[in-house]
N, C-alpha and C. Protein backbone atom coordinates (compact mmCIF):
# COMPACT_ATOMS: atom_id res chain seq x y z
N MET A 1 -0.97 -18.52 9.65
CA MET A 1 -0.45 -17.45 9.49
C MET A 1 -0.96 -16.07 9.86
N LEU A 2 -1.97 -16.13 8.88
CA LEU A 2 -2.88 -14.84 8.85
C LEU A 2 -3.81 -13.94 10.55
N ALA A 3 -3.46 -14.63 11.32
CA ALA A 3 -3.55 -15.03 12.92
C ALA A 3 -2.22 -13.50 13.14
N SER A 4 -0.83 -14.47 13.11
CA SER A 4 0.20 -13.73 13.93
C SER A 4 0.65 -12.59 12.76
N LEU A 5 0.11 -12.85 11.94
CA LEU A 5 0.55 -10.93 10.82
C LEU A 5 -0.53 -9.90 11.74
N LEU A 6 -1.65 -10.73 12.24
CA LEU A 6 -2.85 -10.02 12.30
C LEU A 6 -2.04 -8.93 13.93
N SER A 7 -1.95 -9.64 14.24
CA SER A 7 -2.02 -10.36 16.30
C SER A 7 -0.41 -8.93 16.02
N SER A 8 0.70 -9.12 15.50
CA SER A 8 1.84 -8.53 15.07
C SER A 8 2.01 -7.49 13.78
N PRO A 9 1.37 -6.38 13.93
CA PRO A 9 0.77 -5.70 12.42
C PRO A 9 2.61 -5.17 11.94
N THR A 10 3.95 -4.69 12.81
CA THR A 10 4.94 -4.37 12.30
C THR A 10 5.75 -5.70 12.14
N GLU A 11 5.77 -7.00 12.43
CA GLU A 11 6.53 -8.26 11.72
C GLU A 11 7.11 -7.71 10.90
N HIS A 12 6.63 -7.78 9.20
CA HIS A 12 7.37 -7.20 8.02
C HIS A 12 7.67 -6.28 8.21
N LEU A 13 8.16 -5.02 8.93
CA LEU A 13 8.45 -3.97 9.68
C LEU A 13 9.85 -4.66 9.79
N SER A 14 10.24 -5.07 10.65
CA SER A 14 10.87 -5.54 12.23
C SER A 14 11.95 -5.61 10.93
N GLY A 15 13.69 -4.70 11.47
CA GLY A 15 14.24 -5.53 11.50
C GLY A 15 14.86 -3.84 10.09
N HIS A 16 14.25 -2.97 10.63
CA HIS A 16 13.88 -1.78 8.99
C HIS A 16 14.14 -1.01 10.78
N THR A 17 14.93 0.44 9.40
CA THR A 17 15.24 1.43 10.47
C THR A 17 14.24 2.89 10.87
N LEU A 18 12.55 2.20 10.43
CA LEU A 18 11.44 2.55 10.61
C LEU A 18 12.01 3.28 12.07
N ASP A 19 11.05 4.78 12.49
CA ASP A 19 10.75 5.42 13.69
C ASP A 19 10.05 4.41 14.29
N SER A 20 10.48 3.65 15.43
CA SER A 20 9.79 3.26 16.28
C SER A 20 8.26 3.62 17.15
N HIS A 21 7.76 4.55 16.55
CA HIS A 21 6.86 5.41 17.18
C HIS A 21 6.56 5.70 15.57
N PHE A 22 5.12 4.85 15.60
CA PHE A 22 3.84 4.89 14.55
C PHE A 22 2.04 5.00 15.28
N GLN A 23 1.36 5.49 14.13
CA GLN A 23 0.30 5.42 14.62
C GLN A 23 -0.51 4.01 14.11
N GLU A 24 -1.21 3.58 15.15
CA GLU A 24 -1.80 2.04 13.98
C GLU A 24 -3.36 2.71 13.74
N LEU A 25 -3.86 2.56 12.63
CA LEU A 25 -4.67 3.74 12.31
C LEU A 25 -5.80 2.68 12.06
N GLY A 26 -5.63 1.44 12.57
CA GLY A 26 -6.75 -0.14 12.12
C GLY A 26 -6.81 -0.59 11.00
N LEU A 27 -7.85 -2.05 11.52
CA LEU A 27 -7.77 -2.60 10.33
C LEU A 27 -9.18 -2.74 9.65
N LEU A 28 -9.15 -3.14 8.44
CA LEU A 28 -10.27 -2.55 7.69
C LEU A 28 -10.42 -4.16 7.06
N HIS A 29 -12.11 -4.43 7.20
CA HIS A 29 -12.30 -5.97 6.56
C HIS A 29 -13.31 -5.41 5.71
N ASP A 30 -13.43 -6.51 4.96
CA ASP A 30 -13.69 -6.60 4.00
C ASP A 30 -15.21 -6.55 3.58
N ALA A 31 -16.36 -6.99 3.04
CA ALA A 31 -17.63 -6.92 3.10
C ALA A 31 -18.54 -8.35 3.96
N HIS A 32 -17.56 -9.48 3.74
CA HIS A 32 -17.71 -11.01 4.46
C HIS A 32 -17.09 -10.78 6.00
N GLY A 33 -16.36 -9.62 6.70
CA GLY A 33 -15.58 -9.76 7.80
C GLY A 33 -14.20 -10.45 7.55
N ALA A 34 -13.70 -10.59 6.75
CA ALA A 34 -12.38 -10.78 6.23
C ALA A 34 -11.60 -9.11 6.52
N PRO A 35 -10.40 -9.78 7.28
CA PRO A 35 -9.48 -8.58 6.79
C PRO A 35 -9.34 -8.61 6.09
N LEU A 36 -8.73 -7.58 5.63
CA LEU A 36 -8.75 -5.99 3.40
C LEU A 36 -7.27 -6.18 4.06
N LEU A 37 -7.21 -4.82 4.63
CA LEU A 37 -6.18 -3.54 5.13
C LEU A 37 -5.82 -2.81 5.78
N ARG A 38 -4.15 -3.49 6.45
CA ARG A 38 -3.38 -3.08 7.88
C ARG A 38 -2.92 -1.59 7.34
N GLN A 39 -2.80 0.14 7.75
CA GLN A 39 -2.13 0.96 8.20
C GLN A 39 -1.72 0.97 8.84
N LEU A 40 -0.75 1.44 9.18
CA LEU A 40 0.17 2.50 9.98
C LEU A 40 1.19 3.31 9.50
N TYR A 41 0.92 4.34 10.17
CA TYR A 41 1.04 5.93 9.73
C TYR A 41 3.26 6.33 10.76
N TYR A 42 3.82 6.32 9.61
CA TYR A 42 4.97 6.93 10.90
C TYR A 42 4.86 8.31 10.29
N PRO A 43 4.79 8.82 11.20
CA PRO A 43 4.92 10.83 11.14
C PRO A 43 6.35 11.60 10.82
N HIS A 44 7.41 10.77 11.08
CA HIS A 44 8.48 11.69 11.05
C HIS A 44 8.69 11.03 9.85
N GLU A 45 8.37 10.20 9.31
CA GLU A 45 8.84 10.02 7.81
C GLU A 45 7.78 10.49 6.96
N GLN A 46 6.53 10.25 7.17
CA GLN A 46 5.16 10.76 6.50
C GLN A 46 5.10 9.57 5.23
N LEU A 47 4.87 9.09 6.23
CA LEU A 47 5.35 7.05 5.74
C LEU A 47 3.70 6.49 5.51
N LEU A 48 2.61 6.35 4.96
CA LEU A 48 1.92 5.10 5.38
C LEU A 48 2.03 3.71 4.77
N TYR A 49 2.48 2.96 6.19
CA TYR A 49 2.35 1.74 5.46
C TYR A 49 1.13 1.02 4.96
N VAL A 50 0.47 0.17 4.09
CA VAL A 50 -0.74 -0.87 4.07
C VAL A 50 -0.21 -1.63 3.13
N GLN A 51 -1.04 -2.60 4.25
CA GLN A 51 -0.60 -3.89 4.54
C GLN A 51 -1.81 -5.03 4.00
N TRP A 52 -1.43 -6.01 2.83
CA TRP A 52 -3.67 -5.80 2.43
C TRP A 52 -2.81 -7.75 2.40
N TYR A 53 -4.24 -8.18 3.00
CA TYR A 53 -4.92 -9.55 2.71
C TYR A 53 -6.05 -9.80 2.25
N GLY A 54 -5.89 -11.68 1.89
CA GLY A 54 -6.48 -12.07 1.46
C GLY A 54 -6.62 -12.65 0.57
N ASN A 55 -7.63 -12.66 -0.75
CA ASN A 55 -7.80 -12.56 -1.71
C ASN A 55 -8.79 -11.42 -2.69
N LEU A 56 -8.32 -10.60 -3.27
CA LEU A 56 -8.35 -9.67 -3.71
C LEU A 56 -8.76 -9.28 -5.12
N THR A 57 -10.29 -8.52 -5.05
CA THR A 57 -11.11 -8.52 -5.52
C THR A 57 -11.25 -6.93 -5.78
N PRO A 58 -11.49 -6.56 -7.53
CA PRO A 58 -11.77 -5.33 -7.83
C PRO A 58 -12.03 -4.89 -6.64
N GLU A 59 -13.63 -4.38 -6.07
CA GLU A 59 -14.11 -4.46 -5.15
C GLU A 59 -13.37 -3.60 -4.06
N THR A 60 -12.99 -4.55 -3.73
CA THR A 60 -11.77 -4.63 -2.58
C THR A 60 -11.23 -3.56 -2.87
N VAL A 61 -10.14 -4.35 -3.67
CA VAL A 61 -8.89 -2.86 -3.98
C VAL A 61 -9.66 -1.61 -3.89
N VAL A 62 -10.96 -1.60 -4.32
CA VAL A 62 -11.60 -0.32 -4.68
C VAL A 62 -11.85 0.27 -3.32
N THR A 63 -12.60 -0.85 -2.75
CA THR A 63 -12.42 -0.05 -1.24
C THR A 63 -11.53 0.14 -0.15
N GLY A 64 -10.39 -1.03 -0.20
CA GLY A 64 -9.41 -0.66 0.14
C GLY A 64 -8.04 1.06 -0.21
N ALA A 65 -8.02 1.25 -1.35
CA ALA A 65 -7.99 2.66 -1.86
C ALA A 65 -8.06 3.96 -1.53
N GLN A 66 -9.93 3.87 -1.45
CA GLN A 66 -10.47 4.48 -0.75
C GLN A 66 -10.29 4.61 0.64
N ALA A 67 -10.03 3.60 1.22
CA ALA A 67 -9.94 3.92 2.90
C ALA A 67 -8.18 4.83 2.89
N VAL A 68 -7.00 4.17 2.16
CA VAL A 68 -5.53 5.05 2.02
C VAL A 68 -6.16 6.25 1.05
N LEU A 69 -7.09 6.99 0.92
CA LEU A 69 -7.78 8.35 0.57
C LEU A 69 -7.75 9.16 1.70
N GLU A 70 -8.85 8.12 2.24
CA GLU A 70 -9.25 8.72 3.69
C GLU A 70 -7.87 9.55 4.56
N THR A 71 -7.22 8.61 4.71
CA THR A 71 -6.30 8.60 5.74
C THR A 71 -4.84 9.73 4.90
N GLN A 72 -5.29 9.44 3.70
CA GLN A 72 -4.41 10.53 3.23
C GLN A 72 -5.06 12.20 3.68
N GLN A 73 -6.03 12.36 3.83
CA GLN A 73 -7.42 13.96 3.91
C GLN A 73 -6.56 14.04 5.04
N LYS A 74 -6.14 13.43 6.02
CA LYS A 74 -6.38 13.88 7.76
C LYS A 74 -4.84 13.47 8.10
N LEU A 75 -3.58 12.98 7.17
CA LEU A 75 -2.18 13.07 7.68
C LEU A 75 -1.36 13.17 6.81
N PRO A 76 -0.54 13.56 6.37
CA PRO A 76 0.37 14.33 5.66
C PRO A 76 1.26 12.53 5.45
N CYS A 77 1.40 12.05 4.12
CA CYS A 77 1.49 10.92 3.65
C CYS A 77 2.24 11.47 2.47
N LEU A 78 3.73 11.81 2.32
CA LEU A 78 4.25 11.49 0.87
C LEU A 78 5.08 10.33 0.57
N THR A 79 4.59 9.55 1.09
CA THR A 79 5.24 7.75 0.25
C THR A 79 4.19 6.95 0.96
N VAL A 80 3.96 5.78 0.46
CA VAL A 80 3.17 4.67 0.27
C VAL A 80 4.19 3.63 -0.01
N LEU A 81 4.22 2.30 1.75
CA LEU A 81 4.11 1.84 1.04
C LEU A 81 3.51 0.38 1.42
N ASN A 82 3.22 -0.15 -0.19
CA ASN A 82 2.14 -0.78 -0.24
C ASN A 82 2.83 -2.17 -0.51
N ASP A 83 2.18 -2.80 0.85
CA ASP A 83 2.78 -4.23 0.45
C ASP A 83 1.35 -5.63 0.50
N LYS A 84 1.04 -6.66 -0.82
CA LYS A 84 0.38 -7.09 -0.74
C LYS A 84 1.44 -8.23 -0.84
N GLN A 85 1.91 -8.54 -0.29
CA GLN A 85 2.82 -10.24 0.19
C GLN A 85 1.63 -11.15 1.07
N THR A 86 1.04 -10.41 1.51
CA THR A 86 -0.17 -11.70 1.90
C THR A 86 -1.55 -11.58 1.45
N SER A 87 -1.79 -11.51 0.33
CA SER A 87 -2.43 -11.08 -0.92
C SER A 87 -2.46 -11.92 -2.22
N THR A 88 -3.46 -12.61 -2.30
CA THR A 88 -4.25 -12.77 -4.27
C THR A 88 -5.02 -11.92 -4.96
N GLY A 89 -5.16 -12.86 -5.29
CA GLY A 89 -6.19 -12.07 -6.55
C GLY A 89 -6.14 -11.65 -7.71
N ASP A 90 -7.19 -11.74 -8.59
CA ASP A 90 -6.64 -10.37 -9.03
C ASP A 90 -7.68 -9.67 -9.60
N TRP A 91 -7.27 -8.23 -9.12
CA TRP A 91 -8.33 -6.84 -9.10
C TRP A 91 -8.03 -6.55 -10.90
N MET A 92 -8.34 -7.16 -11.57
CA MET A 92 -7.31 -5.51 -12.77
C MET A 92 -8.79 -5.01 -13.73
N GLU A 93 -9.81 -5.43 -13.09
CA GLU A 93 -10.99 -4.46 -13.55
C GLU A 93 -11.61 -3.09 -12.64
N ALA A 94 -10.26 -3.39 -11.33
CA ALA A 94 -10.34 -2.46 -10.72
C ALA A 94 -9.33 -0.94 -11.61
N MET A 95 -8.28 -1.11 -11.99
CA MET A 95 -7.44 -0.55 -13.02
C MET A 95 -7.68 0.85 -13.56
N GLU A 96 -9.60 0.99 -14.08
CA GLU A 96 -9.54 2.74 -15.04
C GLU A 96 -9.45 3.08 -13.66
N TRP A 97 -10.42 2.84 -12.55
CA TRP A 97 -10.93 3.74 -11.37
C TRP A 97 -9.38 3.85 -10.67
N LEU A 98 -8.67 3.03 -10.81
CA LEU A 98 -7.41 3.57 -9.71
C LEU A 98 -6.57 4.73 -10.53
N GLU A 99 -6.52 3.98 -11.61
CA GLU A 99 -5.80 5.32 -12.99
C GLU A 99 -6.32 6.30 -12.84
N PHE A 100 -8.34 6.55 -13.01
CA PHE A 100 -8.26 7.59 -13.20
C PHE A 100 -9.35 8.52 -12.63
N GLU A 101 -8.92 7.75 -11.21
CA GLU A 101 -9.96 8.21 -10.03
C GLU A 101 -8.73 8.74 -8.64
N TRP A 102 -8.69 7.28 -8.09
CA TRP A 102 -7.47 7.33 -7.37
C TRP A 102 -6.49 8.05 -7.27
N LEU A 103 -5.70 8.12 -8.58
CA LEU A 103 -4.20 8.69 -8.61
C LEU A 103 -3.89 10.13 -8.64
N PRO A 104 -4.49 10.30 -8.99
CA PRO A 104 -5.42 11.93 -9.24
C PRO A 104 -5.07 12.39 -7.98
N GLN A 105 -6.04 11.63 -7.30
CA GLN A 105 -7.00 12.24 -5.73
C GLN A 105 -5.45 11.63 -4.97
N ALA A 106 -4.75 11.09 -4.78
CA ALA A 106 -3.87 10.33 -4.23
C ALA A 106 -2.04 12.20 -4.48
N ARG A 107 -2.25 11.89 -5.71
CA ARG A 107 -1.39 13.03 -6.23
C ARG A 107 -1.68 14.37 -5.42
N GLU A 108 -3.13 14.71 -5.55
CA GLU A 108 -3.35 15.85 -5.07
C GLU A 108 -3.16 15.76 -3.82
N LEU A 109 -3.53 15.18 -2.87
CA LEU A 109 -3.01 15.43 -1.15
C LEU A 109 -1.19 14.77 -0.88
N GLY A 110 -0.80 14.89 -1.45
CA GLY A 110 1.06 15.14 -2.20
C GLY A 110 1.44 13.56 -1.63
N LEU A 111 0.64 13.26 -2.14
CA LEU A 111 1.49 11.49 -2.71
C LEU A 111 2.70 11.74 -3.34
N ARG A 112 3.93 11.31 -3.84
CA ARG A 112 5.40 11.84 -4.35
C ARG A 112 5.72 10.57 -4.35
N ALA A 113 6.09 9.30 -3.79
CA ALA A 113 6.19 8.80 -3.98
C ALA A 113 5.38 6.74 -3.62
N PHE A 114 5.45 5.28 -4.25
CA PHE A 114 4.80 4.88 -3.73
C PHE A 114 5.64 3.78 -4.28
N ALA A 115 6.02 2.61 -3.19
CA ALA A 115 6.94 1.53 -3.02
C ALA A 115 5.59 0.38 -3.65
N TYR A 116 6.20 -0.53 -4.56
CA TYR A 116 4.77 -2.17 -4.16
C TYR A 116 5.34 -3.02 -4.13
N VAL A 117 5.07 -4.11 -3.00
CA VAL A 117 6.24 -4.32 -2.72
C VAL A 117 4.78 -5.79 -3.00
N PHE A 118 5.45 -6.86 -4.18
CA PHE A 118 5.20 -8.31 -4.55
C PHE A 118 4.61 -9.24 -3.85
N ALA A 119 2.92 -9.34 -4.50
CA ALA A 119 2.57 -10.37 -3.65
C ALA A 119 3.04 -12.26 -4.16
N PRO A 120 3.13 -13.18 -3.83
CA PRO A 120 3.59 -13.81 -4.51
C PRO A 120 3.18 -14.89 -5.48
N ASP A 121 1.72 -14.66 -6.11
CA ASP A 121 0.62 -14.56 -6.39
C ASP A 121 0.69 -13.84 -8.07
N LEU A 122 0.90 -15.06 -9.45
CA LEU A 122 1.06 -14.82 -10.57
C LEU A 122 -0.31 -13.36 -10.95
N ASN A 123 -1.44 -14.02 -10.42
CA ASN A 123 -2.40 -12.61 -10.72
C ASN A 123 -2.21 -11.10 -10.64
N ASN A 124 -1.93 -12.07 -8.88
CA ASN A 124 -1.75 -10.42 -8.09
C ASN A 124 -0.45 -9.78 -8.52
N GLN A 125 0.02 -10.34 -9.00
CA GLN A 125 1.88 -9.61 -9.89
C GLN A 125 1.04 -9.23 -11.53
N LEU A 126 0.27 -9.48 -11.82
CA LEU A 126 0.25 -9.22 -12.94
C LEU A 126 -0.65 -7.76 -13.16
N ALA A 127 -1.53 -7.15 -12.02
CA ALA A 127 -1.94 -6.61 -11.89
C ALA A 127 -1.65 -5.83 -11.26
N SER A 128 -1.20 -6.14 -11.19
CA SER A 128 -0.16 -4.57 -9.80
C SER A 128 0.93 -4.07 -11.27
N LEU A 129 1.57 -5.13 -11.83
CA LEU A 129 2.48 -4.19 -13.11
C LEU A 129 1.04 -3.41 -14.41
N ASP A 130 0.39 -3.76 -14.17
CA ASP A 130 -0.70 -2.92 -14.95
C ASP A 130 -0.64 -1.30 -14.07
N PHE A 131 -0.97 -1.88 -13.25
CA PHE A 131 -0.41 -0.62 -12.74
C PHE A 131 0.50 0.58 -12.33
N VAL A 132 1.40 -0.52 -12.12
CA VAL A 132 2.33 0.43 -12.16
C VAL A 132 3.32 0.95 -13.70
N ASN A 133 2.48 -0.04 -14.26
CA ASN A 133 3.19 0.76 -16.30
C ASN A 133 1.47 2.62 -15.94
N ARG A 134 0.71 2.62 -15.75
CA ARG A 134 0.12 3.65 -15.59
C ARG A 134 0.42 4.34 -14.46
N ALA A 135 0.56 4.13 -13.84
CA ALA A 135 0.51 5.52 -12.47
C ALA A 135 2.48 5.61 -12.48
N LYS A 136 3.59 5.12 -13.59
CA LYS A 136 4.58 5.61 -13.60
C LYS A 136 5.03 6.63 -14.28
N GLN A 137 3.66 7.14 -15.84
CA GLN A 137 4.01 8.98 -16.03
C GLN A 137 3.46 10.07 -15.10
N THR A 138 3.47 9.14 -13.94
CA THR A 138 2.94 10.75 -13.20
C THR A 138 3.58 10.85 -11.65
N LEU A 139 4.12 8.78 -11.20
CA LEU A 139 4.45 9.33 -10.08
C LEU A 139 6.00 8.54 -9.65
N ALA A 140 6.59 8.37 -8.94
CA ALA A 140 7.61 7.83 -8.87
C ALA A 140 7.35 6.81 -8.42
N ILE A 141 7.19 5.73 -8.98
CA ILE A 141 6.70 4.05 -8.73
C ILE A 141 7.38 3.20 -8.86
N GLN A 142 7.77 2.06 -7.92
CA GLN A 142 8.49 1.21 -8.06
C GLN A 142 8.42 -0.78 -7.48
N VAL A 143 8.21 -1.44 -8.41
CA VAL A 143 8.38 -2.54 -8.20
C VAL A 143 9.39 -2.99 -7.26
N PHE A 144 8.30 -4.10 -6.32
CA PHE A 144 9.59 -4.47 -5.33
C PHE A 144 9.80 -5.74 -4.95
N TYR A 145 10.63 -6.58 -4.11
CA TYR A 145 10.16 -8.12 -3.50
C TYR A 145 9.73 -8.11 -2.38
N ASP A 146 10.85 -7.18 -1.21
CA ASP A 146 10.60 -7.37 0.36
C ASP A 146 10.25 -6.04 0.93
N THR A 147 10.20 -5.35 1.77
CA THR A 147 9.82 -4.48 2.56
C THR A 147 11.53 -3.93 2.91
N GLU A 148 12.37 -3.95 2.82
CA GLU A 148 13.03 -3.35 2.82
C GLU A 148 13.78 -2.76 1.63
N THR A 149 13.76 -3.11 0.60
CA THR A 149 14.77 -2.77 -0.20
C THR A 149 13.20 -1.05 -0.81
N ALA A 150 12.16 -1.53 -0.64
CA ALA A 150 11.60 -0.88 -1.26
C ALA A 150 11.50 0.64 -0.15
N LEU A 151 11.50 0.21 1.34
CA LEU A 151 11.71 1.29 2.31
C LEU A 151 13.19 1.84 1.39
N ALA A 152 13.94 1.76 1.45
CA ALA A 152 15.51 2.16 1.52
C ALA A 152 15.21 2.57 0.03
N TRP A 153 14.04 2.73 -0.82
CA TRP A 153 14.07 3.20 -1.65
C TRP A 153 12.88 4.46 -2.34
N LEU A 154 11.93 4.47 -0.89
CA LEU A 154 11.80 5.11 -0.37
C LEU A 154 11.88 6.95 -0.26
N ARG A 155 12.95 6.25 0.50
CA ARG A 155 13.78 7.07 1.69
C ARG A 155 14.67 7.73 0.60
N ASP A 156 14.87 7.27 -0.56
CA ASP A 156 15.53 7.87 -1.07
C ASP A 156 14.88 8.89 -2.00
N GLN A 157 13.82 8.40 -2.45
CA GLN A 157 12.61 9.28 -3.03
C GLN A 157 12.42 10.92 -2.42
N ARG A 158 12.60 10.54 -1.21
CA ARG A 158 12.22 12.13 -0.17
C ARG A 158 13.65 13.16 -0.84
N LEU A 159 15.21 13.16 -0.84
CA LEU A 159 15.37 13.47 -0.88
C LEU A 159 15.57 13.98 -2.43
N HIS A 160 14.75 13.84 -3.28
CA HIS A 160 14.72 14.03 -4.64
C HIS A 160 13.84 14.83 -4.64
């Protein structure tokens, strides 16, 4: 299944009304060479789609989040669709860094809304909910079970 996802990065977004013109920003690998995350940028929507892979740890989440910040420094990303459907793992120990380091930087770089698509893994969901609860004080953020609903919500956020 992972091989098919990697060969067709837009498969999860097929059927959506996203602009078909996107920039493939590449696949980031973890320290062991396994796929960690893929970023796709949709310039007309100023949307960054981030798809996570594999068993996430605090270290890999920080690595991936740093890559997202690097993208935000280069491209205007008003919204992020953070898709964890193809990942597992407990990354709770990265929470302080995400809240106090990543989030302020992401907001300073223009992030307005963050749609969070749940992983099926319970540990990953618990970490995700903790992050959402921490971030909702300063950012429009919502949890979803599918990318279509998440995308619709992000579009609505751009109108506000």
